[in-house]
Amino acid sequence: MRPKAGSRSPRAPGFGCSGPAVFPAPPEPAWPPAAVTVSVLGDRCFGNVDPALADQACRLAAAANVELLAVTFSQAAAGATFLGAQLWPDVSLPELAAALLARFVPAAGRGAANVAEAVA
């Protein structure tokens, strides 16, 4: 099958790509020692920060129209400075992992041995 005319996919002629594209997570920036990152999933915020910061993180995710977001502040206390946001939160955090599982895997599949089996 030939790519559409004007296609810029990696498999289009002249790109020399032999396999699927892989997009690794971006490297972690060097934040100040007191910096704290919270994760947003839907309208829930995971992390130990002042409630005002948690609300700001949730509002940022909603404004960006994303379901999952990591937001970093200069400290956990109110009045902290916003340092950055990324679409690659640390999903190994137990509370966030459990919330992701509850949100995206049907209840009937949560006892499965692996995710592929759970969503099949």
PDB file of N, CA and C in Angstrom:
ATOM      1  N   MET A   1       0.845  -1.179   0.000  1.00  0.00           N
ATOM      2  CA  MET A   1       0.000   0.000   0.000  1.00  0.00           C
ATOM      3  C   MET A   1       0.888   1.240   0.000  1.00  0.00           C
ATOM      4  N   ARG A   2       0.592   2.151  -0.853  1.00  0.00           N
ATOM      5  CA  ARG A   2       1.387   3.375  -0.978  1.00  0.00           C
ATOM      6  C   ARG A   2       0.830   4.454  -0.063  1.00  0.00           C
ATOM      7  N   PRO A   3       1.712   5.289   0.539  1.00  0.00           N
ATOM      8  CA  PRO A   3       1.225   6.403   1.340  1.00  0.00           C
ATOM      9  C   PRO A   3       0.502   7.426   0.470  1.00  0.00           C
ATOM     10  N   LYS A   4      -0.418   8.177   1.072  1.00  0.00           N
ATOM     11  CA  LYS A   4      -1.123   9.226   0.343  1.00  0.00           C
ATOM     12  C   LYS A   4      -0.125  10.259  -0.172  1.00  0.00           C
ATOM     13  N   ALA A   5      -0.459  10.865  -1.281  1.00  0.00           N
ATOM     14  CA  ALA A   5       0.382  11.924  -1.831  1.00  0.00           C
ATOM     15  C   ALA A   5       0.539  13.025  -0.798  1.00  0.00           C
ATOM     16  N   GLY A   6       1.753  13.486  -0.623  1.00  0.00           N
ATOM     17  CA  GLY A   6       2.019  14.544   0.343  1.00  0.00           C
ATOM     18  C   GLY A   6       2.163  14.034   1.763  1.00  0.00           C
ATOM     19  N   SER A   7       2.097  12.722   1.944  1.00  0.00           N
ATOM     20  CA  SER A   7       2.223  12.148   3.282  1.00  0.00           C
ATOM     21  C   SER A   7       3.608  12.394   3.844  1.00  0.00           C
ATOM     22  N   ARG A   8       3.672  12.682   5.135  1.00  0.00           N
ATOM     23  CA  ARG A   8       4.963  12.911   5.771  1.00  0.00           C
ATOM     24  C   ARG A   8       5.208  11.851   6.842  1.00  0.00           C
ATOM     25  N   SER A   9       4.606  10.696   6.680  1.00  0.00           N
ATOM     26  CA  SER A   9       4.818   9.638   7.657  1.00  0.00           C
ATOM     27  C   SER A   9       6.245   9.127   7.558  1.00  0.00           C
ATOM     28  N   PRO A  10       6.778   8.525   8.634  1.00  0.00           N
ATOM     29  CA  PRO A  10       8.147   8.008   8.592  1.00  0.00           C
ATOM     30  C   PRO A  10       8.349   6.956   7.515  1.00  0.00           C
ATOM     31  N   ARG A  11       7.296   6.316   7.072  1.00  0.00           N
ATOM     32  CA  ARG A  11       7.435   5.294   6.043  1.00  0.00           C
ATOM     33  C   ARG A  11       7.334   5.874   4.626  1.00  0.00           C
ATOM     34  N   ALA A  12       7.124   7.170   4.510  1.00  0.00           N
ATOM     35  CA  ALA A  12       7.042   7.796   3.200  1.00  0.00           C
ATOM     36  C   ALA A  12       8.412   7.751   2.528  1.00  0.00           C
ATOM     37  N   PRO A  13       8.441   7.711   1.217  1.00  0.00           N
ATOM     38  CA  PRO A  13       9.720   7.672   0.511  1.00  0.00           C
ATOM     39  C   PRO A  13      10.633   8.819   0.938  1.00  0.00           C
ATOM     40  N   GLY A  14      11.910   8.494   1.109  1.00  0.00           N
ATOM     41  CA  GLY A  14      12.888   9.506   1.462  1.00  0.00           C
ATOM     42  C   GLY A  14      13.142   9.654   2.951  1.00  0.00           C
ATOM     43  N   PHE A  15      12.363   8.958   3.800  1.00  0.00           N
ATOM     44  CA  PHE A  15      12.567   9.082   5.231  1.00  0.00           C
ATOM     45  C   PHE A  15      13.457   7.980   5.791  1.00  0.00           C
ATOM     46  N   GLY A  16      13.587   6.844   5.142  1.00  0.00           N
ATOM     47  CA  GLY A  16      14.502   5.801   5.556  1.00  0.00           C
ATOM     48  C   GLY A  16      14.210   5.188   6.913  1.00  0.00           C
ATOM     49  N   CYS A  17      12.979   5.109   7.309  1.00  0.00           N
ATOM     50  CA  CYS A  17      12.599   4.528   8.606  1.00  0.00           C
ATOM     51  C   CYS A  17      12.160   3.097   8.374  1.00  0.00           C
ATOM     52  N   SER A  18      12.739   2.156   9.112  1.00  0.00           N
ATOM     53  CA  SER A  18      12.415   0.755   8.876  1.00  0.00           C
ATOM     54  C   SER A  18      11.427   0.180   9.883  1.00  0.00           C
ATOM     55  N   GLY A  19      11.109   0.904  10.935  1.00  0.00           N
ATOM     56  CA  GLY A  19      10.211   0.361  11.943  1.00  0.00           C
ATOM     57  C   GLY A  19       9.283   1.420  12.486  1.00  0.00           C
ATOM     58  N   PRO A  20       8.479   1.021  13.468  1.00  0.00           N
ATOM     59  CA  PRO A  20       7.549   1.986  14.039  1.00  0.00           C
ATOM     60  C   PRO A  20       8.288   3.078  14.810  1.00  0.00           C
ATOM     61  N   ALA A  21       7.695   4.244  14.847  1.00  0.00           N
ATOM     62  CA  ALA A  21       8.288   5.359  15.584  1.00  0.00           C
ATOM     63  C   ALA A  21       8.169   5.105  17.082  1.00  0.00           C
ATOM     64  N   VAL A  22       9.195   5.446  17.820  1.00  0.00           N
ATOM     65  CA  VAL A  22       9.201   5.295  19.267  1.00  0.00           C
ATOM     66  C   VAL A  22       9.401   6.678  19.861  1.00  0.00           C
ATOM     67  N   PHE A  23       8.531   7.038  20.805  1.00  0.00           N
ATOM     68  CA  PHE A  23       8.595   8.349  21.420  1.00  0.00           C
ATOM     69  C   PHE A  23       8.847   8.182  22.915  1.00  0.00           C
ATOM     70  N   PRO A  24      10.103   8.217  23.346  1.00  0.00           N
ATOM     71  CA  PRO A  24      10.397   8.037  24.771  1.00  0.00           C
ATOM     72  C   PRO A  24       9.959   9.254  25.576  1.00  0.00           C
ATOM     73  N   ALA A  25       9.782   9.057  26.871  1.00  0.00           N
ATOM     74  CA  ALA A  25       9.446  10.174  27.754  1.00  0.00           C
ATOM     75  C   ALA A  25      10.582  11.183  27.735  1.00  0.00           C
ATOM     76  N   PRO A  26      10.235  12.458  27.823  1.00  0.00           N
ATOM     77  CA  PRO A  26      11.296  13.464  27.833  1.00  0.00           C
ATOM     78  C   PRO A  26      12.112  13.360  29.112  1.00  0.00           C
ATOM     79  N   PRO A  27      13.365  13.807  29.073  1.00  0.00           N
ATOM     80  CA  PRO A  27      14.182  13.736  30.291  1.00  0.00           C
ATOM     81  C   PRO A  27      13.624  14.649  31.378  1.00  0.00           C
ATOM     82  N   GLU A  28      13.835  14.243  32.619  1.00  0.00           N
ATOM     83  CA  GLU A  28      13.400  15.059  33.754  1.00  0.00           C
ATOM     84  C   GLU A  28      14.252  16.315  33.844  1.00  0.00           C
ATOM     85  N   PRO A  29      13.619  17.482  33.946  1.00  0.00           N
ATOM     86  CA  PRO A  29      14.409  18.698  34.123  1.00  0.00           C
ATOM     87  C   PRO A  29      15.043  18.726  35.508  1.00  0.00           C
ATOM     88  N   ALA A  30      16.041  19.536  35.682  1.00  0.00           N
ATOM     89  CA  ALA A  30      16.705  19.672  36.984  1.00  0.00           C
ATOM     90  C   ALA A  30      15.952  20.731  37.796  1.00  0.00           C
ATOM     91  N   TRP A  31      15.024  20.278  38.634  1.00  0.00           N
ATOM     92  CA  TRP A  31      14.240  21.191  39.467  1.00  0.00           C
ATOM     93  C   TRP A  31      15.007  21.514  40.748  1.00  0.00           C
ATOM     94  N   PRO A  32      14.667  22.629  41.403  1.00  0.00           N
ATOM     95  CA  PRO A  32      15.263  22.935  42.710  1.00  0.00           C
ATOM     96  C   PRO A  32      14.919  21.832  43.716  1.00  0.00           C
ATOM     97  N   PRO A  33      15.725  21.649  44.759  1.00  0.00           N
ATOM     98  CA  PRO A  33      15.485  20.568  45.726  1.00  0.00           C
ATOM     99  C   PRO A  33      14.100  20.589  46.385  1.00  0.00           C
ATOM    100  N   ALA A  34      13.527  21.757  46.588  1.00  0.00           N
ATOM    101  CA  ALA A  34      12.223  21.846  47.255  1.00  0.00           C
ATOM    102  C   ALA A  34      11.049  21.647  46.298  1.00  0.00           C
ATOM    103  N   ALA A  35      11.325  21.501  45.001  1.00  0.00           N
ATOM    104  CA  ALA A  35      10.255  21.361  44.012  1.00  0.00           C
ATOM    105  C   ALA A  35       9.444  20.101  44.280  1.00  0.00           C
ATOM    106  N   VAL A  36       8.163  20.184  43.965  1.00  0.00           N
ATOM    107  CA  VAL A  36       7.262  19.054  44.155  1.00  0.00           C
ATOM    108  C   VAL A  36       6.387  18.916  42.913  1.00  0.00           C
ATOM    109  N   THR A  37       6.187  17.664  42.493  1.00  0.00           N
ATOM    110  CA  THR A  37       5.365  17.386  41.319  1.00  0.00           C
ATOM    111  C   THR A  37       4.112  16.651  41.754  1.00  0.00           C
ATOM    112  N   VAL A  38       2.978  17.105  41.246  1.00  0.00           N
ATOM    113  CA  VAL A  38       1.707  16.426  41.484  1.00  0.00           C
ATOM    114  C   VAL A  38       1.211  15.878  40.153  1.00  0.00           C
ATOM    115  N   SER A  39       0.385  14.870  40.234  1.00  0.00           N
ATOM    116  CA  SER A  39      -0.195  14.286  39.025  1.00  0.00           C
ATOM    117  C   SER A  39      -1.690  14.509  39.039  1.00  0.00           C
ATOM    118  N   VAL A  40      -2.235  14.844  37.886  1.00  0.00           N
ATOM    119  CA  VAL A  40      -3.673  15.047  37.731  1.00  0.00           C
ATOM    120  C   VAL A  40      -4.211  13.947  36.846  1.00  0.00           C
ATOM    121  N   LEU A  41      -5.302  13.338  37.283  1.00  0.00           N
ATOM    122  CA  LEU A  41      -6.041  12.362  36.491  1.00  0.00           C
ATOM    123  C   LEU A  41      -7.498  12.786  36.538  1.00  0.00           C
ATOM    124  N   GLY A  42      -7.986  13.266  35.413  1.00  0.00           N
ATOM    125  CA  GLY A  42      -9.355  13.775  35.380  1.00  0.00           C
ATOM    126  C   GLY A  42      -9.480  14.990  36.276  1.00  0.00           C
ATOM    127  N   ASP A  43     -10.330  14.893  37.292  1.00  0.00           N
ATOM    128  CA  ASP A  43     -10.498  16.014  38.221  1.00  0.00           C
ATOM    129  C   ASP A  43      -9.862  15.729  39.577  1.00  0.00           C
ATOM    130  N   ARG A  44      -8.988  14.730  39.631  1.00  0.00           N
ATOM    131  CA  ARG A  44      -8.312  14.370  40.884  1.00  0.00           C
ATOM    132  C   ARG A  44      -6.834  14.723  40.805  1.00  0.00           C
ATOM    133  N   CYS A  45      -6.289  15.170  41.939  1.00  0.00           N
ATOM    134  CA  CYS A  45      -4.882  15.542  42.016  1.00  0.00           C
ATOM    135  C   CYS A  45      -4.199  14.628  43.027  1.00  0.00           C
ATOM    136  N   PHE A  46      -3.042  14.079  42.649  1.00  0.00           N
ATOM    137  CA  PHE A  46      -2.293  13.160  43.501  1.00  0.00           C
ATOM    138  C   PHE A  46      -0.954  13.786  43.861  1.00  0.00           C
ATOM    139  N   GLY A  47      -0.709  13.935  45.132  1.00  0.00           N
ATOM    140  CA  GLY A  47       0.526  14.530  45.615  1.00  0.00           C
ATOM    141  C   GLY A  47       0.245  15.358  46.851  1.00  0.00           C
ATOM    142  N   ASN A  48       1.273  15.579  47.628  1.00  0.00           N
ATOM    143  CA  ASN A  48       1.120  16.307  48.882  1.00  0.00           C
ATOM    144  C   ASN A  48       1.478  17.770  48.691  1.00  0.00           C
ATOM    145  N   VAL A  49       0.473  18.560  48.336  1.00  0.00           N
ATOM    146  CA  VAL A  49       0.648  19.995  48.173  1.00  0.00           C
ATOM    147  C   VAL A  49      -0.531  20.709  48.821  1.00  0.00           C
ATOM    148  N   ASP A  50      -0.358  22.004  49.009  1.00  0.00           N
ATOM    149  CA  ASP A  50      -1.441  22.832  49.517  1.00  0.00           C
ATOM    150  C   ASP A  50      -2.662  22.680  48.595  1.00  0.00           C
ATOM    151  N   PRO A  51      -3.868  22.639  49.160  1.00  0.00           N
ATOM    152  CA  PRO A  51      -5.066  22.483  48.321  1.00  0.00           C
ATOM    153  C   PRO A  51      -5.188  23.527  47.204  1.00  0.00           C
ATOM    154  N   ALA A  52      -4.675  24.722  47.422  1.00  0.00           N
ATOM    155  CA  ALA A  52      -4.730  25.737  46.367  1.00  0.00           C
ATOM    156  C   ALA A  52      -3.879  25.322  45.171  1.00  0.00           C
ATOM    157  N   LEU A  53      -2.732  24.698  45.422  1.00  0.00           N
ATOM    158  CA  LEU A  53      -1.880  24.229  44.319  1.00  0.00           C
ATOM    159  C   LEU A  53      -2.529  23.056  43.601  1.00  0.00           C
ATOM    160  N   ALA A  54      -3.142  22.161  44.370  1.00  0.00           N
ATOM    161  CA  ALA A  54      -3.833  21.026  43.752  1.00  0.00           C
ATOM    162  C   ALA A  54      -4.945  21.538  42.835  1.00  0.00           C
ATOM    163  N   ASP A  55      -5.669  22.545  43.288  1.00  0.00           N
ATOM    164  CA  ASP A  55      -6.731  23.127  42.477  1.00  0.00           C
ATOM    165  C   ASP A  55      -6.153  23.757  41.209  1.00  0.00           C
ATOM    166  N   GLN A  56      -5.037  24.450  41.333  1.00  0.00           N
ATOM    167  CA  GLN A  56      -4.400  25.064  40.165  1.00  0.00           C
ATOM    168  C   GLN A  56      -3.967  23.999  39.164  1.00  0.00           C
ATOM    169  N   ALA A  57      -3.420  22.891  39.664  1.00  0.00           N
ATOM    170  CA  ALA A  57      -2.992  21.802  38.778  1.00  0.00           C
ATOM    171  C   ALA A  57      -4.189  21.220  38.031  1.00  0.00           C
ATOM    172  N   CYS A  58      -5.292  21.013  38.729  1.00  0.00           N
ATOM    173  CA  CYS A  58      -6.505  20.479  38.098  1.00  0.00           C
ATOM    174  C   CYS A  58      -7.051  21.452  37.058  1.00  0.00           C
ATOM    175  N   ARG A  59      -7.030  22.738  37.376  1.00  0.00           N
ATOM    176  CA  ARG A  59      -7.522  23.743  36.425  1.00  0.00           C
ATOM    177  C   ARG A  59      -6.626  23.823  35.190  1.00  0.00           C
ATOM    178  N   LEU A  60      -5.314  23.652  35.380  1.00  0.00           N
ATOM    179  CA  LEU A  60      -4.392  23.649  34.238  1.00  0.00           C
ATOM    180  C   LEU A  60      -4.690  22.465  33.319  1.00  0.00           C
ATOM    181  N   ALA A  61      -4.893  21.293  33.889  1.00  0.00           N
ATOM    182  CA  ALA A  61      -5.212  20.113  33.083  1.00  0.00           C
ATOM    183  C   ALA A  61      -6.524  20.316  32.325  1.00  0.00           C
ATOM    184  N   ALA A  62      -7.514  20.884  33.001  1.00  0.00           N
ATOM    185  CA  ALA A  62      -8.798  21.128  32.342  1.00  0.00           C
ATOM    186  C   ALA A  62      -8.643  22.141  31.212  1.00  0.00           C
ATOM    187  N   ALA A  63      -7.880  23.206  31.448  1.00  0.00           N
ATOM    188  CA  ALA A  63      -7.664  24.231  30.415  1.00  0.00           C
ATOM    189  C   ALA A  63      -6.904  23.654  29.224  1.00  0.00           C
ATOM    190  N   ALA A  64      -6.001  22.712  29.489  1.00  0.00           N
ATOM    191  CA  ALA A  64      -5.232  22.071  28.424  1.00  0.00           C
ATOM    192  C   ALA A  64      -6.018  20.946  27.760  1.00  0.00           C
ATOM    193  N   ASN A  65      -7.190  20.632  28.327  1.00  0.00           N
ATOM    194  CA  ASN A  65      -8.050  19.568  27.813  1.00  0.00           C
ATOM    195  C   ASN A  65      -7.328  18.217  27.792  1.00  0.00           C
ATOM    196  N   VAL A  66      -6.636  17.909  28.903  1.00  0.00           N
ATOM    197  CA  VAL A  66      -5.952  16.622  29.036  1.00  0.00           C
ATOM    198  C   VAL A  66      -6.461  15.901  30.274  1.00  0.00           C
ATOM    199  N   GLU A  67      -6.460  14.597  30.236  1.00  0.00           N
ATOM    200  CA  GLU A  67      -6.910  13.768  31.355  1.00  0.00           C
ATOM    201  C   GLU A  67      -5.786  13.455  32.328  1.00  0.00           C
ATOM    202  N   LEU A  68      -4.559  13.472  31.838  1.00  0.00           N
ATOM    203  CA  LEU A  68      -3.413  13.060  32.639  1.00  0.00           C
ATOM    204  C   LEU A  68      -2.303  14.095  32.481  1.00  0.00           C
ATOM    205  N   LEU A  69      -1.821  14.629  33.619  1.00  0.00           N
ATOM    206  CA  LEU A  69      -0.828  15.694  33.565  1.00  0.00           C
ATOM    207  C   LEU A  69       0.008  15.688  34.830  1.00  0.00           C
ATOM    208  N   ALA A  70       1.293  15.956  34.693  1.00  0.00           N
ATOM    209  CA  ALA A  70       2.186  16.166  35.832  1.00  0.00           C
ATOM    210  C   ALA A  70       2.492  17.652  35.898  1.00  0.00           C
ATOM    211  N   VAL A  71       2.331  18.238  37.084  1.00  0.00           N
ATOM    212  CA  VAL A  71       2.558  19.672  37.266  1.00  0.00           C
ATOM    213  C   VAL A  71       3.580  19.845  38.387  1.00  0.00           C
ATOM    214  N   THR A  72       4.598  20.649  38.130  1.00  0.00           N
ATOM    215  CA  THR A  72       5.657  20.861  39.114  1.00  0.00           C
ATOM    216  C   THR A  72       5.610  22.293  39.628  1.00  0.00           C
ATOM    217  N   PHE A  73       5.676  22.403  40.968  1.00  0.00           N
ATOM    218  CA  PHE A  73       5.711  23.684  41.652  1.00  0.00           C
ATOM    219  C   PHE A  73       7.033  23.803  42.402  1.00  0.00           C
ATOM    220  N   SER A  74       7.408  25.030  42.741  1.00  0.00           N
ATOM    221  CA  SER A  74       8.682  25.272  43.425  1.00  0.00           C
ATOM    222  C   SER A  74       8.708  24.723  44.848  1.00  0.00           C
ATOM    223  N   GLN A  75       7.540  24.549  45.445  1.00  0.00           N
ATOM    224  CA  GLN A  75       7.426  23.995  46.801  1.00  0.00           C
ATOM    225  C   GLN A  75       5.998  23.499  47.003  1.00  0.00           C
ATOM    226  N   ALA A  76       5.744  22.826  48.108  1.00  0.00           N
ATOM    227  CA  ALA A  76       4.420  22.274  48.370  1.00  0.00           C
ATOM    228  C   ALA A  76       3.465  23.271  49.025  1.00  0.00           C
ATOM    229  N   ALA A  77       3.989  24.381  49.520  1.00  0.00           N
ATOM    230  CA  ALA A  77       3.171  25.355  50.247  1.00  0.00           C
ATOM    231  C   ALA A  77       2.454  26.307  49.292  1.00  0.00           C
ATOM    232  N   ALA A  78       1.370  26.899  49.789  1.00  0.00           N
ATOM    233  CA  ALA A  78       0.630  27.893  49.011  1.00  0.00           C
ATOM    234  C   ALA A  78       1.567  29.020  48.593  1.00  0.00           C
ATOM    235  N   GLY A  79       1.306  29.587  47.447  1.00  0.00           N
ATOM    236  CA  GLY A  79       2.144  30.668  46.947  1.00  0.00           C
ATOM    237  C   GLY A  79       3.349  30.191  46.162  1.00  0.00           C
ATOM    238  N   ALA A  80       3.452  28.897  45.942  1.00  0.00           N
ATOM    239  CA  ALA A  80       4.577  28.342  45.188  1.00  0.00           C
ATOM    240  C   ALA A  80       4.533  28.831  43.743  1.00  0.00           C
ATOM    241  N   THR A  81       5.672  28.803  43.105  1.00  0.00           N
ATOM    242  CA  THR A  81       5.791  29.190  41.708  1.00  0.00           C
ATOM    243  C   THR A  81       5.590  27.966  40.823  1.00  0.00           C
ATOM    244  N   PHE A  82       4.843  28.139  39.755  1.00  0.00           N
ATOM    245  CA  PHE A  82       4.671  27.096  38.753  1.00  0.00           C
ATOM    246  C   PHE A  82       5.994  26.940  37.995  1.00  0.00           C
ATOM    247  N   LEU A  83       6.513  25.697  37.935  1.00  0.00           N
ATOM    248  CA  LEU A  83       7.778  25.454  37.231  1.00  0.00           C
ATOM    249  C   LEU A  83       7.586  24.789  35.875  1.00  0.00           C
ATOM    250  N   GLY A  84       6.563  23.969  35.756  1.00  0.00           N
ATOM    251  CA  GLY A  84       6.369  23.298  34.476  1.00  0.00           C
ATOM    252  C   GLY A  84       5.305  22.226  34.547  1.00  0.00           C
ATOM    253  N   ALA A  85       4.962  21.709  33.380  1.00  0.00           N
ATOM    254  CA  ALA A  85       3.981  20.631  33.277  1.00  0.00           C
ATOM    255  C   ALA A  85       4.416  19.710  32.147  1.00  0.00           C
ATOM    256  N   GLN A  86       4.045  18.455  32.276  1.00  0.00           N
ATOM    257  CA  GLN A  86       4.353  17.496  31.218  1.00  0.00           C
ATOM    258  C   GLN A  86       3.263  16.443  31.146  1.00  0.00           C
ATOM    259  N   LEU A  87       3.175  15.813  29.999  1.00  0.00           N
ATOM    260  CA  LEU A  87       2.142  14.804  29.764  1.00  0.00           C
ATOM    261  C   LEU A  87       2.581  13.407  30.180  1.00  0.00           C
ATOM    262  N   TRP A  88       3.730  13.288  30.846  1.00  0.00           N
ATOM    263  CA  TRP A  88       4.289  11.991  31.217  1.00  0.00           C
ATOM    264  C   TRP A  88       4.423  11.869  32.738  1.00  0.00           C
ATOM    265  N   PRO A  89       3.339  11.846  33.496  1.00  0.00           N
ATOM    266  CA  PRO A  89       3.494  11.708  34.949  1.00  0.00           C
ATOM    267  C   PRO A  89       4.055  10.335  35.315  1.00  0.00           C
ATOM    268  N   ASP A  90       4.573  10.243  36.536  1.00  0.00           N
ATOM    269  CA  ASP A  90       5.131   8.991  37.040  1.00  0.00           C
ATOM    270  C   ASP A  90       3.980   8.072  37.424  1.00  0.00           C
ATOM    271  N   VAL A  91       3.617   7.160  36.537  1.00  0.00           N
ATOM    272  CA  VAL A  91       2.471   6.277  36.791  1.00  0.00           C
ATOM    273  C   VAL A  91       2.825   5.109  37.702  1.00  0.00           C
ATOM    274  N   SER A  92       4.065   5.066  38.201  1.00  0.00           N
ATOM    275  CA  SER A  92       4.425   4.012  39.148  1.00  0.00           C
ATOM    276  C   SER A  92       4.017   4.376  40.575  1.00  0.00           C
ATOM    277  N   LEU A  93       3.565   5.609  40.805  1.00  0.00           N
ATOM    278  CA  LEU A  93       3.099   5.978  42.138  1.00  0.00           C
ATOM    279  C   LEU A  93       1.837   5.175  42.447  1.00  0.00           C
ATOM    280  N   PRO A  94       1.803   4.466  43.588  1.00  0.00           N
ATOM    281  CA  PRO A  94       0.700   3.544  43.872  1.00  0.00           C
ATOM    282  C   PRO A  94      -0.694   4.160  43.775  1.00  0.00           C
ATOM    283  N   GLU A  95      -0.892   5.348  44.334  1.00  0.00           N
ATOM    284  CA  GLU A  95      -2.228   5.958  44.303  1.00  0.00           C
ATOM    285  C   GLU A  95      -2.659   6.292  42.875  1.00  0.00           C
ATOM    286  N   LEU A  96      -1.724   6.819  42.088  1.00  0.00           N
ATOM    287  CA  LEU A  96      -2.044   7.159  40.703  1.00  0.00           C
ATOM    288  C   LEU A  96      -2.259   5.895  39.882  1.00  0.00           C
ATOM    289  N   ALA A  97      -1.430   4.883  40.091  1.00  0.00           N
ATOM    290  CA  ALA A  97      -1.582   3.622  39.355  1.00  0.00           C
ATOM    291  C   ALA A  97      -2.943   2.999  39.630  1.00  0.00           C
ATOM    292  N   ALA A  98      -3.367   3.007  40.886  1.00  0.00           N
ATOM    293  CA  ALA A  98      -4.679   2.449  41.245  1.00  0.00           C
ATOM    294  C   ALA A  98      -5.805   3.248  40.597  1.00  0.00           C
ATOM    295  N   ALA A  99      -5.670   4.572  40.576  1.00  0.00           N
ATOM    296  CA  ALA A  99      -6.699   5.412  39.960  1.00  0.00           C
ATOM    297  C   ALA A  99      -6.755   5.199  38.450  1.00  0.00           C
ATOM    298  N   LEU A 100      -5.606   5.040  37.818  1.00  0.00           N
ATOM    299  CA  LEU A 100      -5.565   4.752  36.380  1.00  0.00           C
ATOM    300  C   LEU A 100      -6.232   3.421  36.077  1.00  0.00           C
ATOM    301  N   LEU A 101      -5.929   2.435  36.883  1.00  0.00           N
ATOM    302  CA  LEU A 101      -6.531   1.118  36.698  1.00  0.00           C
ATOM    303  C   LEU A 101      -8.046   1.203  36.836  1.00  0.00           C
ATOM    304  N   ALA A 102      -8.510   1.889  37.867  1.00  0.00           N
ATOM    305  CA  ALA A 102      -9.948   2.030  38.085  1.00  0.00           C
ATOM    306  C   ALA A 102     -10.621   2.796  36.945  1.00  0.00           C
ATOM    307  N   ARG A 103      -9.926   3.765  36.382  1.00  0.00           N
ATOM    308  CA  ARG A 103     -10.520   4.607  35.345  1.00  0.00           C
ATOM    309  C   ARG A 103     -10.560   3.934  33.982  1.00  0.00           C
ATOM    310  N   PHE A 104      -9.518   3.171  33.634  1.00  0.00           N
ATOM    311  CA  PHE A 104      -9.406   2.665  32.274  1.00  0.00           C
ATOM    312  C   PHE A 104      -9.606   1.166  32.098  1.00  0.00           C
ATOM    313  N   VAL A 105      -9.593   0.399  33.173  1.00  0.00           N
ATOM    314  CA  VAL A 105      -9.781  -1.045  33.048  1.00  0.00           C
ATOM    315  C   VAL A 105     -11.138  -1.407  33.655  1.00  0.00           C
ATOM    316  N   PRO A 106     -11.994  -2.067  32.898  1.00  0.00           N
ATOM    317  CA  PRO A 106     -13.299  -2.449  33.428  1.00  0.00           C
ATOM    318  C   PRO A 106     -13.145  -3.276  34.709  1.00  0.00           C
ATOM    319  N   ALA A 107     -14.067  -3.106  35.624  1.00  0.00           N
ATOM    320  CA  ALA A 107     -13.996  -3.791  36.919  1.00  0.00           C
ATOM    321  C   ALA A 107     -13.841  -5.299  36.752  1.00  0.00           C
ATOM    322  N   ALA A 108     -14.484  -5.874  35.759  1.00  0.00           N
ATOM    323  CA  ALA A 108     -14.412  -7.317  35.550  1.00  0.00           C
ATOM    324  C   ALA A 108     -13.004  -7.786  35.205  1.00  0.00           C
ATOM    325  N   GLY A 109     -12.174  -6.903  34.650  1.00  0.00           N
ATOM    326  CA  GLY A 109     -10.839  -7.311  34.227  1.00  0.00           C
ATOM    327  C   GLY A 109      -9.745  -6.974  35.203  1.00  0.00           C
ATOM    328  N   ARG A 110     -10.065  -6.382  36.344  1.00  0.00           N
ATOM    329  CA  ARG A 110      -9.019  -5.923  37.257  1.00  0.00           C
ATOM    330  C   ARG A 110      -8.280  -7.051  37.951  1.00  0.00           C
ATOM    331  N   GLY A 111      -8.797  -8.238  37.946  1.00  0.00           N
ATOM    332  CA  GLY A 111      -8.098  -9.368  38.561  1.00  0.00           C
ATOM    333  C   GLY A 111      -7.207 -10.094  37.573  1.00  0.00           C
ATOM    334  N   ALA A 112      -7.093  -9.570  36.361  1.00  0.00           N
ATOM    335  CA  ALA A 112      -6.315 -10.217  35.305  1.00  0.00           C
ATOM    336  C   ALA A 112      -4.829 -10.205  35.643  1.00  0.00           C
ATOM    337  N   ALA A 113      -4.103 -11.119  35.015  1.00  0.00           N
ATOM    338  CA  ALA A 113      -2.673 -11.247  35.259  1.00  0.00           C
ATOM    339  C   ALA A 113      -1.878 -10.097  34.651  1.00  0.00           C
ATOM    340  N   ASN A 114      -2.402  -9.471  33.595  1.00  0.00           N
ATOM    341  CA  ASN A 114      -1.703  -8.361  32.954  1.00  0.00           C
ATOM    342  C   ASN A 114      -2.723  -7.433  32.302  1.00  0.00           C
ATOM    343  N   VAL A 115      -2.274  -6.273  31.892  1.00  0.00           N
ATOM    344  CA  VAL A 115      -3.180  -5.281  31.324  1.00  0.00           C
ATOM    345  C   VAL A 115      -3.792  -5.762  30.020  1.00  0.00           C
ATOM    346  N   ALA A 116      -2.990  -6.410  29.170  1.00  0.00           N
ATOM    347  CA  ALA A 116      -3.513  -6.891  27.891  1.00  0.00           C
ATOM    348  C   ALA A 116      -4.677  -7.850  28.108  1.00  0.00           C
ATOM    349  N   GLU A 117      -4.552  -8.724  29.088  1.00  0.00           N
ATOM    350  CA  GLU A 117      -5.615  -9.666  29.412  1.00  0.00           C
ATOM    351  C   GLU A 117      -6.814  -8.931  29.995  1.00  0.00           C
ATOM    352  N   ALA A 118      -6.579  -7.895  30.783  1.00  0.00           N
ATOM    353  CA  ALA A 118      -7.643  -7.170  31.451  1.00  0.00           C
ATOM    354  C   ALA A 118      -8.538  -6.413  30.478  1.00  0.00           C
ATOM    355  N   VAL A 119      -7.974  -5.875  29.418  1.00  0.00           N
ATOM    356  CA  VAL A 119      -8.761  -5.075  28.486  1.00  0.00           C
ATOM    357  C   VAL A 119      -9.254  -5.863  27.284  1.00  0.00           C
ATOM    358  N   ALA A 120      -8.883  -7.125  27.206  1.00  0.00           N
ATOM    359  CA  ALA A 120      -9.299  -7.973  26.074  1.00  0.00           C
ATOM    360  C   ALA A 120     -10.774  -8.305  26.143  1.00  0.00           C
TER     361      ALA A 120
END
